[in-house]
Amino acid sequence: MSETKTPLLVIRVRGLAGIRQDIEDNMKMLHLVRLYHAVLIPQTPSFIGMIRKSKDYITWGEPTLETLEALLSKRGRLVGNKRLTEEYLKENTEFKSISDLAKALYDGKIRPDEVPGLKPVFRLRPPKKGFRGKKMRAYKNGGITGYRGDAINELAQRMI
């Protein structure tokens, strides 16, 4: 993993069956309580440790600016399950558009929980055309879990 300020996009790809209690608690702290939930988290040692503990149930990588914009515009939700709109951002934050917010998130200047009213979880759909490998092993070994790097963007685009 790189040591940049770019947040990590973490997506839960396995369900609840047979999960240990400590890993389930860890997933709750990451806000990944259901299948296909995604969150943006900063690359800090504490979050990296939480990711490593849950590595068999999630996949993660560094998103591009385009992926962040698509995620915010199509899957960003406010309290009350309303869509994130540019009008809301203009009235309630210093950002003028969703692309400005995505740029600030990408640069690490702001975290998603610092945006008033924005839910920290993005609810995604199952990926179009499914997963490339259905095995529950690491992505580098042909599976679907674990660190993906830039390949997280292709998966996220199919799930948005």
Protein backbone atom coordinates (compact mmCIF):
# COMPACT_ATOMS: atom_id res chain seq x y z
CA MET A 1 0.00 0.00 0.00
CA SER A 2 1.23 3.48 -0.77
CA GLU A 3 1.95 6.09 1.88
CA THR A 4 -0.09 8.84 0.20
CA LYS A 5 -2.91 10.84 1.72
CA THR A 6 -5.39 9.34 -0.75
CA PRO A 7 -8.14 7.53 1.17
CA LEU A 8 -8.77 3.84 0.67
CA LEU A 9 -12.02 2.57 -0.80
CA VAL A 10 -13.07 -0.49 1.22
CA ILE A 11 -15.91 -2.75 0.00
CA ARG A 12 -17.42 -5.67 1.89
CA VAL A 13 -17.65 -8.69 -0.41
CA ARG A 14 -18.58 -11.50 2.00
CA GLY A 15 -21.64 -11.91 4.21
CA LEU A 16 -22.21 -12.73 7.86
CA ALA A 17 -22.19 -16.53 7.86
CA GLY A 18 -19.49 -18.00 10.07
CA ILE A 19 -17.83 -14.71 10.96
CA ARG A 20 -15.96 -14.49 14.29
CA GLN A 21 -17.32 -12.00 16.82
CA ASP A 22 -14.14 -9.90 16.99
CA ILE A 23 -14.07 -9.53 13.19
CA GLU A 24 -17.78 -8.66 13.15
CA ASP A 25 -17.15 -5.94 15.76
CA ASN A 26 -14.25 -4.67 13.67
CA MET A 27 -16.50 -4.49 10.59
CA LYS A 28 -19.10 -2.53 12.58
CA MET A 29 -16.43 0.01 13.53
CA LEU A 30 -15.61 0.35 9.83
CA HIS A 31 -19.37 0.79 9.06
CA LEU A 32 -19.30 -2.33 6.87
CA VAL A 33 -22.34 -4.06 8.37
CA ARG A 34 -23.84 -5.47 5.15
CA LEU A 35 -22.70 -7.06 1.95
CA TYR A 36 -21.63 -4.56 -0.77
CA HIS A 37 -21.30 -1.62 1.60
CA ALA A 38 -18.37 0.67 0.82
CA VAL A 39 -16.55 3.29 2.89
CA LEU A 40 -13.70 5.73 2.38
CA ILE A 41 -11.12 5.61 5.13
CA PRO A 42 -7.82 7.45 5.65
CA GLN A 43 -4.55 5.55 5.44
CA THR A 44 -3.61 5.64 9.10
CA PRO A 45 -1.95 2.81 11.05
CA SER A 46 -5.09 2.14 13.12
CA PHE A 47 -7.33 1.82 10.06
CA ILE A 48 -4.74 -0.31 8.25
CA GLY A 49 -4.74 -2.68 11.24
CA MET A 50 -8.54 -2.89 11.14
CA ILE A 51 -8.41 -3.65 7.41
CA ARG A 52 -5.81 -6.39 7.88
CA LYS A 53 -7.93 -8.01 10.58
CA SER A 54 -10.96 -8.09 8.24
CA LYS A 55 -9.02 -8.97 5.08
CA ASP A 56 -10.95 -12.19 4.45
CA TYR A 57 -14.28 -10.34 4.16
CA ILE A 58 -13.36 -7.12 2.33
CA THR A 59 -11.48 -5.81 -0.67
CA TRP A 60 -9.74 -2.44 -0.83
CA GLY A 61 -7.56 -0.17 -2.92
CA GLU A 62 -6.86 3.42 -3.90
CA PRO A 63 -9.72 5.02 -5.86
CA THR A 64 -9.22 7.49 -8.69
CA LEU A 65 -10.78 10.95 -8.71
CA GLU A 66 -13.31 9.82 -11.35
CA THR A 67 -14.41 6.87 -9.17
CA LEU A 68 -14.85 9.18 -6.18
CA GLU A 69 -16.97 11.59 -8.21
CA ALA A 70 -19.18 8.77 -9.50
CA LEU A 71 -19.51 7.30 -6.00
CA LEU A 72 -20.56 10.63 -4.49
CA SER A 73 -22.93 11.66 -7.27
CA LYS A 74 -24.69 8.32 -7.75
CA ARG A 75 -24.42 6.63 -4.34
CA GLY A 76 -23.83 9.50 -1.90
CA ARG A 77 -26.72 9.77 0.55
CA LEU A 78 -27.70 12.32 3.17
CA VAL A 79 -29.48 11.69 6.45
CA GLY A 80 -33.06 10.80 5.53
CA ASN A 81 -31.81 8.77 2.53
CA LYS A 82 -31.84 11.80 0.23
CA ARG A 83 -29.36 12.05 -2.62
CA LEU A 84 -26.28 14.20 -2.27
CA THR A 85 -26.84 17.18 -4.57
CA GLU A 86 -24.77 20.16 -5.61
CA GLU A 87 -27.46 22.48 -4.20
CA TYR A 88 -27.08 20.85 -0.78
CA LEU A 89 -23.30 21.24 -0.95
CA LYS A 90 -23.55 24.93 -1.92
CA GLU A 91 -25.92 25.67 0.98
CA ASN A 92 -24.31 23.60 3.75
CA THR A 93 -20.57 23.37 2.97
CA GLU A 94 -17.77 25.40 1.43
CA PHE A 95 -17.79 23.14 -1.65
CA LYS A 96 -19.47 24.41 -4.80
CA SER A 97 -19.89 21.05 -6.53
CA ILE A 98 -19.57 17.31 -6.08
CA SER A 99 -16.33 17.37 -8.07
CA ASP A 100 -14.86 19.90 -5.60
CA LEU A 101 -15.82 17.61 -2.72
CA ALA A 102 -14.35 14.59 -4.52
CA LYS A 103 -11.09 16.50 -5.10
CA ALA A 104 -10.86 17.43 -1.40
CA LEU A 105 -11.52 13.81 -0.39
CA TYR A 106 -8.96 12.56 -2.91
CA ASP A 107 -6.30 14.95 -1.64
CA GLY A 108 -6.99 13.98 1.97
CA LYS A 109 -8.02 17.51 2.98
CA ILE A 110 -11.35 16.31 4.38
CA ARG A 111 -12.84 13.02 5.54
CA PRO A 112 -16.38 11.90 4.59
CA ASP A 113 -17.55 12.18 8.21
CA GLU A 114 -16.61 15.88 8.21
CA VAL A 115 -19.23 16.70 5.56
CA PRO A 116 -22.42 17.65 7.43
CA GLY A 117 -25.29 15.26 6.77
CA LEU A 118 -23.34 12.87 4.51
CA LYS A 119 -23.71 9.20 5.45
CA PRO A 120 -20.34 7.45 5.83
CA VAL A 121 -21.53 4.33 3.95
CA PHE A 122 -22.14 3.95 0.23
CA ARG A 123 -24.59 1.15 -0.57
CA LEU A 124 -23.50 -0.52 -3.79
CA ARG A 125 -25.08 -3.12 -6.06
CA PRO A 126 -23.57 -6.51 -6.79
CA PRO A 127 -21.01 -6.11 -9.60
CA LYS A 128 -22.29 -6.30 -13.18
CA LYS A 129 -21.15 -9.57 -14.76
CA GLY A 130 -20.20 -10.84 -11.30
CA PHE A 131 -16.79 -11.28 -9.78
CA ARG A 132 -13.95 -12.45 -12.01
CA GLY A 133 -12.97 -15.21 -9.58
CA LYS A 134 -15.54 -16.46 -7.10
CA LYS A 135 -13.03 -18.09 -4.74
CA MET A 136 -12.75 -16.69 -1.25
CA ARG A 137 -9.02 -16.16 -1.37
CA ALA A 138 -6.77 -13.16 -1.91
CA TYR A 139 -7.18 -11.10 -5.08
CA LYS A 140 -3.56 -11.65 -6.07
CA ASN A 141 -4.21 -15.42 -5.95
CA GLY A 142 -7.30 -15.23 -8.18
CA GLY A 143 -9.89 -14.54 -5.49
CA ILE A 144 -12.08 -11.57 -4.61
CA THR A 145 -10.87 -10.45 -1.16
CA GLY A 146 -7.80 -8.47 -0.13
CA TYR A 147 -5.81 -5.59 -1.54
CA ARG A 148 -6.54 -4.69 -5.18
CA GLY A 149 -4.65 -1.46 -5.69
CA ASP A 150 -5.91 0.35 -8.78
CA ALA A 151 -8.17 -2.59 -9.76
CA ILE A 152 -10.64 -1.39 -7.10
CA ASN A 153 -11.75 1.29 -9.58
CA GLU A 154 -12.92 -1.23 -12.17
CA LEU A 155 -14.85 -3.17 -9.51
CA ALA A 156 -16.37 -0.01 -8.02
CA GLN A 157 -17.49 1.25 -11.46
CA ARG A 158 -19.32 -2.05 -12.04
CA MET A 159 -20.98 -1.78 -8.62
CA ILE A 160 -22.07 1.89 -8.83
